Amino acid sequence: MTPEAPLLDLHLRSLHLPTMLNDYRRLLADARDPLSYLGDLVALEVAQRHENGVKARIAAAHFPVIKTIENFDFSLQPQLPKPKLLELFDATFIEQHRNALFIGPPGTGKSHCLCALGLAACMRGYRVLFTTAAELLMALIAAKRETRLDHKLRSLERYDLLLIDELGYIPFEREATDLLFQVISARYERRSIALTTNLAFERWTQVFPDAMAATAVIDRLVHHGSVFEFAGESHRLRTRSGGKTKKSA
């Protein structure tokens, strides 16, 4: 060890450069010249920081499961415009503050695509949050009753991409509708939303208090959004029944 090594170790620790600290001796043994050595050392630090950042963003997103688009079976959804869907995964739509809506029956792969989209965004450096519609609204209602709604809404605005799963499974009261509208309005043309729903737009009046509320929400989601319609029987039911789903009498 050279006399300078302890001081270098101290400086690297103070600068929070752990990868450089751990690897500079190993790289020095194979260094061709000082500049290439420094370049290799910095590249290692950058790569490790990127990996740590990805892991932190994935943990903060609260995905229920980790899914990738590579594992999505497009043969089960042949009507999906595959090239258009895959375009979402370069995250350009996030830069453009656009939305993505996945509509269709339960078990057809909507949530898989939603989680995969969020994972891809995390890997590209974007802040993502996954929540179900019910969880989101319960959190907003609780925040309102505890007089911290403004803080909750501001915290949601930090995320580049908000993923909302299972919109439409339970009807909304007026209070919940107003709160959801606040979230969507705050993100309109500023941040992106991707969501799943089992209801076609014409059926949203079944979960919103009135047609006007449903129309207002749809308008802000779709104006700068891409809609993808899923179809067919539940993949989960098909798997459980050995590839054959039973028809109801």
C-alpha atoms as a PDB file:
ATOM      1  CA  MET A   1       0.000   0.000   0.000  1.00  0.00           C
ATOM      2  CA  THR A   2       1.370   3.421  -0.917  1.00  0.00           C
ATOM      3  CA  PRO A   3       1.552   6.212   1.675  1.00  0.00           C
ATOM      4  CA  GLU A   4      -1.195   8.049  -0.212  1.00  0.00           C
ATOM      5  CA  ALA A   5      -3.685   5.164   0.013  1.00  0.00           C
ATOM      6  CA  PRO A   6      -5.125   5.919   3.483  1.00  0.00           C
ATOM      7  CA  LEU A   7      -5.690   9.553   2.521  1.00  0.00           C
ATOM      8  CA  LEU A   8      -7.279   8.514  -0.783  1.00  0.00           C
ATOM      9  CA  ASP A   9      -9.548   6.100   1.083  1.00  0.00           C
ATOM     10  CA  LEU A  10     -10.599   8.928   3.389  1.00  0.00           C
ATOM     11  CA  HIS A  11     -11.367  11.260   0.487  1.00  0.00           C
ATOM     12  CA  LEU A  12     -13.381   8.617  -1.370  1.00  0.00           C
ATOM     13  CA  ARG A  13     -15.431   7.935   1.747  1.00  0.00           C
ATOM     14  CA  SER A  14     -16.101  11.628   2.310  1.00  0.00           C
ATOM     15  CA  LEU A  15     -17.229  11.976  -1.314  1.00  0.00           C
ATOM     16  CA  HIS A  16     -19.503   8.919  -0.952  1.00  0.00           C
ATOM     17  CA  LEU A  17     -17.781   6.976  -3.731  1.00  0.00           C
ATOM     18  CA  PRO A  18     -17.926   3.418  -2.363  1.00  0.00           C
ATOM     19  CA  THR A  19     -17.388   1.631  -5.663  1.00  0.00           C
ATOM     20  CA  MET A  20     -14.218   3.594  -6.371  1.00  0.00           C
ATOM     21  CA  LEU A  21     -13.063   2.878  -2.833  1.00  0.00           C
ATOM     22  CA  ASN A  22     -13.598  -0.856  -3.232  1.00  0.00           C
ATOM     23  CA  ASP A  23     -12.144  -1.225  -6.726  1.00  0.00           C
ATOM     24  CA  TYR A  24      -9.356   1.286  -7.302  1.00  0.00           C
ATOM     25  CA  ARG A  25      -6.608  -1.082  -6.131  1.00  0.00           C
ATOM     26  CA  ARG A  26      -7.855  -3.926  -8.330  1.00  0.00           C
ATOM     27  CA  LEU A  27      -8.094  -1.719 -11.421  1.00  0.00           C
ATOM     28  CA  LEU A  28      -4.690  -0.182 -10.765  1.00  0.00           C
ATOM     29  CA  ALA A  29      -3.015  -3.556 -11.261  1.00  0.00           C
ATOM     30  CA  ASP A  30      -4.362  -3.769 -14.826  1.00  0.00           C
ATOM     31  CA  ALA A  31      -4.194  -0.085 -15.748  1.00  0.00           C
ATOM     32  CA  ARG A  32      -2.769   0.713 -19.194  1.00  0.00           C
ATOM     33  CA  ASP A  33      -2.309   4.405 -18.486  1.00  0.00           C
ATOM     34  CA  PRO A  34      -3.551   6.909 -15.882  1.00  0.00           C
ATOM     35  CA  LEU A  35      -6.382   8.255 -18.025  1.00  0.00           C
ATOM     36  CA  SER A  36      -7.846   4.872 -18.926  1.00  0.00           C
ATOM     37  CA  TYR A  37      -7.517   3.817 -15.298  1.00  0.00           C
ATOM     38  CA  LEU A  38      -9.439   6.870 -14.130  1.00  0.00           C
ATOM     39  CA  GLY A  39     -12.059   6.331 -16.837  1.00  0.00           C
ATOM     40  CA  ASP A  40     -12.605   2.709 -15.837  1.00  0.00           C
ATOM     41  CA  LEU A  41     -12.857   3.650 -12.187  1.00  0.00           C
ATOM     42  CA  VAL A  42     -15.409   6.396 -12.792  1.00  0.00           C
ATOM     43  CA  ALA A  43     -17.418   4.115 -15.103  1.00  0.00           C
ATOM     44  CA  LEU A  44     -17.684   1.536 -12.320  1.00  0.00           C
ATOM     45  CA  GLU A  45     -18.940   4.154  -9.888  1.00  0.00           C
ATOM     46  CA  VAL A  46     -21.521   5.446 -12.372  1.00  0.00           C
ATOM     47  CA  ALA A  47     -22.767   1.929 -13.152  1.00  0.00           C
ATOM     48  CA  GLN A  48     -23.107   1.071  -9.470  1.00  0.00           C
ATOM     49  CA  ARG A  49     -24.958   4.301  -8.727  1.00  0.00           C
ATOM     50  CA  HIS A  50     -27.326   3.608 -11.596  1.00  0.00           C
ATOM     51  CA  GLU A  51     -27.992   0.100 -10.303  1.00  0.00           C
ATOM     52  CA  ASN A  52     -28.574   1.398  -6.779  1.00  0.00           C
ATOM     53  CA  GLY A  53     -30.910   4.064  -8.109  1.00  0.00           C
ATOM     54  CA  VAL A  54     -32.949   1.524 -10.056  1.00  0.00           C
ATOM     55  CA  LYS A  55     -33.281  -0.690  -6.991  1.00  0.00           C
ATOM     56  CA  ALA A  56     -34.358   2.266  -4.854  1.00  0.00           C
ATOM     57  CA  ARG A  57     -36.961   3.426  -7.394  1.00  0.00           C
ATOM     58  CA  ILE A  58     -38.381  -0.088  -7.731  1.00  0.00           C
ATOM     59  CA  ALA A  59     -38.667  -0.412  -3.953  1.00  0.00           C
ATOM     60  CA  ALA A  60     -40.336   3.007  -3.682  1.00  0.00           C
ATOM     61  CA  ALA A  61     -42.853   2.131  -6.423  1.00  0.00           C
ATOM     62  CA  HIS A  62     -44.487  -0.606  -4.290  1.00  0.00           C
ATOM     63  CA  PHE A  63     -45.162  -2.992  -7.161  1.00  0.00           C
ATOM     64  CA  PRO A  64     -47.289  -5.961  -6.023  1.00  0.00           C
ATOM     65  CA  VAL A  65     -45.241  -8.173  -8.361  1.00  0.00           C
ATOM     66  CA  ILE A  66     -42.330  -7.630 -10.722  1.00  0.00           C
ATOM     67  CA  LYS A  67     -43.377  -8.084 -14.342  1.00  0.00           C
ATOM     68  CA  THR A  68     -41.640  -7.405 -17.641  1.00  0.00           C
ATOM     69  CA  ILE A  69     -43.111  -6.836 -21.066  1.00  0.00           C
ATOM     70  CA  GLU A  70     -40.783  -9.553 -22.415  1.00  0.00           C
ATOM     71  CA  ASN A  71     -42.787 -12.088 -20.405  1.00  0.00           C
ATOM     72  CA  PHE A  72     -46.158 -10.880 -21.680  1.00  0.00           C
ATOM     73  CA  ASP A  73     -47.810 -13.356 -24.061  1.00  0.00           C
ATOM     74  CA  PHE A  74     -49.111 -11.221 -26.921  1.00  0.00           C
ATOM     75  CA  SER A  75     -50.593 -14.328 -28.569  1.00  0.00           C
ATOM     76  CA  LEU A  76     -53.334 -14.221 -25.918  1.00  0.00           C
ATOM     77  CA  GLN A  77     -54.217 -10.660 -26.954  1.00  0.00           C
ATOM     78  CA  PRO A  78     -53.847 -10.690 -30.755  1.00  0.00           C
ATOM     79  CA  GLN A  79     -56.039  -7.605 -31.164  1.00  0.00           C
ATOM     80  CA  LEU A  80     -53.596  -5.420 -29.214  1.00  0.00           C
ATOM     81  CA  PRO A  81     -51.528  -3.066 -31.394  1.00  0.00           C
ATOM     82  CA  LYS A  82     -48.199  -4.500 -30.258  1.00  0.00           C
ATOM     83  CA  PRO A  83     -45.915  -1.854 -31.834  1.00  0.00           C
ATOM     84  CA  LYS A  84     -47.973   0.959 -30.315  1.00  0.00           C
ATOM     85  CA  LEU A  85     -47.951  -0.693 -26.895  1.00  0.00           C
ATOM     86  CA  LEU A  86     -44.203  -1.301 -27.020  1.00  0.00           C
ATOM     87  CA  GLU A  87     -43.651   2.375 -27.829  1.00  0.00           C
ATOM     88  CA  LEU A  88     -44.738   3.160 -24.278  1.00  0.00           C
ATOM     89  CA  PHE A  89     -41.722   1.312 -22.929  1.00  0.00           C
ATOM     90  CA  ASP A  90     -39.179   3.823 -24.210  1.00  0.00           C
ATOM     91  CA  ALA A  91     -40.841   6.241 -21.744  1.00  0.00           C
ATOM     92  CA  THR A  92     -41.327   8.993 -24.318  1.00  0.00           C
ATOM     93  CA  PHE A  93     -44.951   9.254 -23.220  1.00  0.00           C
ATOM     94  CA  ILE A  94     -43.742  10.208 -19.739  1.00  0.00           C
ATOM     95  CA  GLU A  95     -41.617  13.014 -21.171  1.00  0.00           C
ATOM     96  CA  GLN A  96     -44.686  14.179 -23.092  1.00  0.00           C
ATOM     97  CA  HIS A  97     -46.912  13.947 -19.987  1.00  0.00           C
ATOM     98  CA  ARG A  98     -49.259  11.540 -21.736  1.00  0.00           C
ATOM     99  CA  ASN A  99     -51.396   8.760 -20.244  1.00  0.00           C
ATOM    100  CA  ALA A 100     -51.992   5.067 -20.958  1.00  0.00           C
ATOM    101  CA  LEU A 101     -55.264   3.259 -20.289  1.00  0.00           C
ATOM    102  CA  PHE A 102     -55.626  -0.529 -20.292  1.00  0.00           C
ATOM    103  CA  ILE A 103     -59.280  -1.571 -20.568  1.00  0.00           C
ATOM    104  CA  GLY A 104     -60.758  -5.064 -20.481  1.00  0.00           C
ATOM    105  CA  PRO A 105     -62.074  -7.996 -18.448  1.00  0.00           C
ATOM    106  CA  PRO A 106     -60.268  -9.281 -15.357  1.00  0.00           C
ATOM    107  CA  GLY A 107     -57.382 -11.682 -15.890  1.00  0.00           C
ATOM    108  CA  THR A 108     -56.483 -10.581 -19.410  1.00  0.00           C
ATOM    109  CA  GLY A 109     -53.036  -9.134 -18.670  1.00  0.00           C
ATOM    110  CA  LYS A 110     -53.804  -5.487 -17.934  1.00  0.00           C
ATOM    111  CA  SER A 111     -52.073  -5.427 -14.561  1.00  0.00           C
ATOM    112  CA  HIS A 112     -49.106  -7.325 -16.011  1.00  0.00           C
ATOM    113  CA  CYS A 113     -48.627  -4.573 -18.589  1.00  0.00           C
ATOM    114  CA  LEU A 114     -49.153  -1.876 -15.967  1.00  0.00           C
ATOM    115  CA  CYS A 115     -46.459  -3.289 -13.673  1.00  0.00           C
ATOM    116  CA  ALA A 116     -44.116  -3.916 -16.603  1.00  0.00           C
ATOM    117  CA  LEU A 117     -44.561  -0.328 -17.764  1.00  0.00           C
ATOM    118  CA  GLY A 118     -43.752   0.944 -14.298  1.00  0.00           C
ATOM    119  CA  LEU A 119     -40.664  -1.252 -14.050  1.00  0.00           C
ATOM    120  CA  ALA A 120     -39.384   0.013 -17.402  1.00  0.00           C
ATOM    121  CA  ALA A 121     -39.889   3.597 -16.222  1.00  0.00           C
ATOM    122  CA  CYS A 122     -37.953   2.915 -13.005  1.00  0.00           C
ATOM    123  CA  MET A 123     -35.069   1.508 -15.011  1.00  0.00           C
ATOM    124  CA  ARG A 124     -34.997   4.669 -17.118  1.00  0.00           C
ATOM    125  CA  GLY A 125     -34.723   6.923 -14.093  1.00  0.00           C
ATOM    126  CA  TYR A 126     -38.350   7.939 -13.521  1.00  0.00           C
ATOM    127  CA  ARG A 127     -40.116   8.027 -10.167  1.00  0.00           C
ATOM    128  CA  VAL A 128     -43.092   5.674 -10.145  1.00  0.00           C
ATOM    129  CA  LEU A 129     -45.869   4.818  -7.694  1.00  0.00           C
ATOM    130  CA  PHE A 130     -48.201   1.822  -7.968  1.00  0.00           C
ATOM    131  CA  THR A 131     -51.551   1.817  -6.174  1.00  0.00           C
ATOM    132  CA  THR A 132     -54.994   0.372  -6.610  1.00  0.00           C
ATOM    133  CA  ALA A 133     -57.850   2.820  -7.068  1.00  0.00           C
ATOM    134  CA  ALA A 134     -59.341   1.723  -3.746  1.00  0.00           C
ATOM    135  CA  GLU A 135     -56.050   2.206  -1.870  1.00  0.00           C
ATOM    136  CA  LEU A 136     -55.506   5.610  -3.432  1.00  0.00           C
ATOM    137  CA  LEU A 137     -58.956   6.881  -2.549  1.00  0.00           C
ATOM    138  CA  MET A 138     -58.821   5.531   0.999  1.00  0.00           C
ATOM    139  CA  ALA A 139     -55.505   7.322   1.499  1.00  0.00           C
ATOM    140  CA  LEU A 140     -56.912  10.566   0.082  1.00  0.00           C
ATOM    141  CA  ILE A 141     -60.059  10.409   2.207  1.00  0.00           C
ATOM    142  CA  ALA A 142     -57.976   9.738   5.327  1.00  0.00           C
ATOM    143  CA  ALA A 143     -55.668  12.638   4.483  1.00  0.00           C
ATOM    144  CA  LYS A 144     -58.629  14.960   3.996  1.00  0.00           C
ATOM    145  CA  ARG A 145     -60.144  14.033   7.348  1.00  0.00           C
ATOM    146  CA  GLU A 146     -56.784  14.576   9.033  1.00  0.00           C
ATOM    147  CA  THR A 147     -56.457  18.012   7.326  1.00  0.00           C
ATOM    148  CA  ARG A 148     -53.351  16.993   5.407  1.00  0.00           C
ATOM    149  CA  LEU A 149     -54.884  16.587   1.959  1.00  0.00           C
ATOM    150  CA  ASP A 150     -52.700  19.291   0.403  1.00  0.00           C
ATOM    151  CA  HIS A 151     -49.585  17.495   1.619  1.00  0.00           C
ATOM    152  CA  LYS A 152     -50.832  14.182   0.223  1.00  0.00           C
ATOM    153  CA  LEU A 153     -51.625  15.703  -3.161  1.00  0.00           C
ATOM    154  CA  ARG A 154     -48.199  17.346  -3.330  1.00  0.00           C
ATOM    155  CA  SER A 155     -46.529  14.040  -2.480  1.00  0.00           C
ATOM    156  CA  LEU A 156     -48.302  12.386  -5.418  1.00  0.00           C
ATOM    157  CA  GLU A 157     -47.087  15.112  -7.758  1.00  0.00           C
ATOM    158  CA  ARG A 158     -43.480  14.042  -7.113  1.00  0.00           C
ATOM    159  CA  TYR A 159     -44.000  10.890  -9.162  1.00  0.00           C
ATOM    160  CA  ASP A 160     -43.359  11.053 -12.896  1.00  0.00           C
ATOM    161  CA  LEU A 161     -45.718   8.115 -13.449  1.00  0.00           C
ATOM    162  CA  LEU A 162     -48.705   7.206 -11.287  1.00  0.00           C
ATOM    163  CA  LEU A 163     -50.015   3.664 -11.839  1.00  0.00           C
ATOM    164  CA  ILE A 164     -53.647   3.108 -10.783  1.00  0.00           C
ATOM    165  CA  ASP A 165     -54.883  -0.480 -10.892  1.00  0.00           C
ATOM    166  CA  GLU A 166     -58.465  -1.770 -10.790  1.00  0.00           C
ATOM    167  CA  LEU A 167     -60.389   1.434 -11.438  1.00  0.00           C
ATOM    168  CA  GLY A 168     -64.073   0.570 -11.616  1.00  0.00           C
ATOM    169  CA  TYR A 169     -64.243  -2.442  -9.317  1.00  0.00           C
ATOM    170  CA  ILE A 170     -66.138  -0.502  -6.660  1.00  0.00           C
ATOM    171  CA  PRO A 171     -68.503   2.472  -7.079  1.00  0.00           C
ATOM    172  CA  PHE A 172     -67.306   5.895  -5.922  1.00  0.00           C
ATOM    173  CA  GLU A 173     -69.114   8.211  -3.566  1.00  0.00           C
ATOM    174  CA  ARG A 174     -69.136  11.916  -4.379  1.00  0.00           C
ATOM    175  CA  GLU A 175     -66.251  12.637  -1.998  1.00  0.00           C
ATOM    176  CA  ALA A 176     -64.056   9.961  -3.573  1.00  0.00           C
ATOM    177  CA  THR A 177     -64.899  11.183  -7.068  1.00  0.00           C
ATOM    178  CA  ASP A 178     -63.941  14.752  -6.202  1.00  0.00           C
ATOM    179  CA  LEU A 179     -60.627  13.588  -4.752  1.00  0.00           C
ATOM    180  CA  LEU A 180     -59.817  11.409  -7.758  1.00  0.00           C
ATOM    181  CA  PHE A 181     -60.618  14.327 -10.035  1.00  0.00           C
ATOM    182  CA  GLN A 182     -58.200  16.510  -8.062  1.00  0.00           C
ATOM    183  CA  VAL A 183     -55.408  13.983  -8.579  1.00  0.00           C
ATOM    184  CA  ILE A 184     -56.090  13.649 -12.297  1.00  0.00           C
ATOM    185  CA  SER A 185     -56.463  17.405 -12.800  1.00  0.00           C
ATOM    186  CA  ALA A 186     -53.215  18.111 -10.946  1.00  0.00           C
ATOM    187  CA  ARG A 187     -51.357  15.732 -13.268  1.00  0.00           C
ATOM    188  CA  TYR A 188     -53.083  16.874 -16.468  1.00  0.00           C
ATOM    189  CA  GLU A 189     -50.369  17.930 -18.960  1.00  0.00           C
ATOM    190  CA  ARG A 190     -47.803  17.874 -16.109  1.00  0.00           C
ATOM    191  CA  ARG A 191     -47.328  14.231 -15.109  1.00  0.00           C
ATOM    192  CA  SER A 192     -48.357  10.847 -16.522  1.00  0.00           C
ATOM    193  CA  ILE A 193     -50.973   8.342 -15.391  1.00  0.00           C
ATOM    194  CA  ALA A 194     -51.337   4.727 -16.477  1.00  0.00           C
ATOM    195  CA  LEU A 195     -54.330   2.771 -15.254  1.00  0.00           C
ATOM    196  CA  THR A 196     -56.324  -0.399 -15.664  1.00  0.00           C
ATOM    197  CA  THR A 197     -60.085  -0.723 -15.631  1.00  0.00           C
ATOM    198  CA  ASN A 198     -62.549  -3.510 -16.319  1.00  0.00           C
ATOM    199  CA  LEU A 199     -65.162  -1.065 -17.607  1.00  0.00           C
ATOM    200  CA  ALA A 200     -65.571   0.404 -21.072  1.00  0.00           C
ATOM    201  CA  PHE A 201     -65.975   4.181 -20.984  1.00  0.00           C
ATOM    202  CA  GLU A 202     -69.723   4.027 -21.549  1.00  0.00           C
ATOM    203  CA  ARG A 203     -70.026   2.025 -18.321  1.00  0.00           C
ATOM    204  CA  TRP A 204     -68.092   4.442 -16.114  1.00  0.00           C
ATOM    205  CA  THR A 205     -71.391   5.944 -15.015  1.00  0.00           C
ATOM    206  CA  GLN A 206     -71.847   2.718 -13.026  1.00  0.00           C
ATOM    207  CA  VAL A 207     -69.046   3.700 -10.648  1.00  0.00           C
ATOM    208  CA  PHE A 208     -69.180   7.498 -10.735  1.00  0.00           C
ATOM    209  CA  PRO A 209     -72.043   9.433  -9.095  1.00  0.00           C
ATOM    210  CA  ASP A 210     -73.246  10.923 -12.378  1.00  0.00           C
ATOM    211  CA  ALA A 211     -72.460  11.138 -16.072  1.00  0.00           C
ATOM    212  CA  MET A 212     -70.897  14.587 -15.735  1.00  0.00           C
ATOM    213  CA  ALA A 213     -68.319  13.339 -13.226  1.00  0.00           C
ATOM    214  CA  ALA A 214     -67.474  10.335 -15.398  1.00  0.00           C
ATOM    215  CA  THR A 215     -67.109  12.510 -18.492  1.00  0.00           C
ATOM    216  CA  ALA A 216     -64.826  14.976 -16.712  1.00  0.00           C
ATOM    217  CA  VAL A 217     -62.475  12.213 -15.566  1.00  0.00           C
ATOM    218  CA  ILE A 218     -62.447  10.461 -18.952  1.00  0.00           C
ATOM    219  CA  ASP A 219     -61.805  13.724 -20.786  1.00  0.00           C
ATOM    220  CA  ARG A 220     -58.620  14.496 -18.856  1.00  0.00           C
ATOM    221  CA  LEU A 221     -57.312  10.948 -19.078  1.00  0.00           C
ATOM    222  CA  VAL A 222     -57.961  10.435 -22.780  1.00  0.00           C
ATOM    223  CA  HIS A 223     -57.118  13.896 -24.149  1.00  0.00           C
ATOM    224  CA  HIS A 224     -53.401  13.091 -24.059  1.00  0.00           C
ATOM    225  CA  GLY A 225     -53.711   9.347 -23.699  1.00  0.00           C
ATOM    226  CA  SER A 226     -53.448   6.038 -25.513  1.00  0.00           C
ATOM    227  CA  VAL A 227     -56.174   3.435 -24.983  1.00  0.00           C
ATOM    228  CA  PHE A 228     -55.491  -0.302 -25.241  1.00  0.00           C
ATOM    229  CA  GLU A 229     -58.400  -2.746 -25.215  1.00  0.00           C
ATOM    230  CA  PHE A 230     -57.827  -6.211 -23.784  1.00  0.00           C
ATOM    231  CA  ALA A 231     -60.270  -9.025 -24.500  1.00  0.00           C
ATOM    232  CA  GLY A 232     -61.009 -12.683 -23.942  1.00  0.00           C
ATOM    233  CA  GLU A 233     -61.230 -15.015 -20.989  1.00  0.00           C
ATOM    234  CA  SER A 234     -59.220 -14.791 -17.805  1.00  0.00           C
ATOM    235  CA  HIS A 235     -55.716 -16.239 -18.173  1.00  0.00           C
ATOM    236  CA  ARG A 236     -55.839 -17.283 -14.528  1.00  0.00           C
ATOM    237  CA  LEU A 237     -59.065 -19.246 -14.949  1.00  0.00           C
ATOM    238  CA  ARG A 238     -57.730 -20.834 -18.128  1.00  0.00           C
ATOM    239  CA  THR A 239     -54.596 -21.960 -16.283  1.00  0.00           C
ATOM    240  CA  ARG A 240     -56.535 -23.402 -13.362  1.00  0.00           C
ATOM    241  CA  SER A 241     -58.814 -25.383 -15.638  1.00  0.00           C
ATOM    242  CA  GLY A 242     -55.969 -26.817 -17.702  1.00  0.00           C
ATOM    243  CA  GLY A 243     -56.474 -24.499 -20.645  1.00  0.00           C
ATOM    244  CA  LYS A 244     -60.254 -24.843 -20.816  1.00  0.00           C
ATOM    245  CA  THR A 245     -62.641 -22.449 -19.140  1.00  0.00           C
ATOM    246  CA  LYS A 246     -66.041 -23.675 -18.116  1.00  0.00           C
ATOM    247  CA  LYS A 247     -69.023 -21.863 -19.508  1.00  0.00           C
ATOM    248  CA  SER A 248     -71.721 -20.902 -17.069  1.00  0.00           C
ATOM    249  CA  ALA A 249     -75.076 -22.488 -17.492  1.00  0.00           C
END
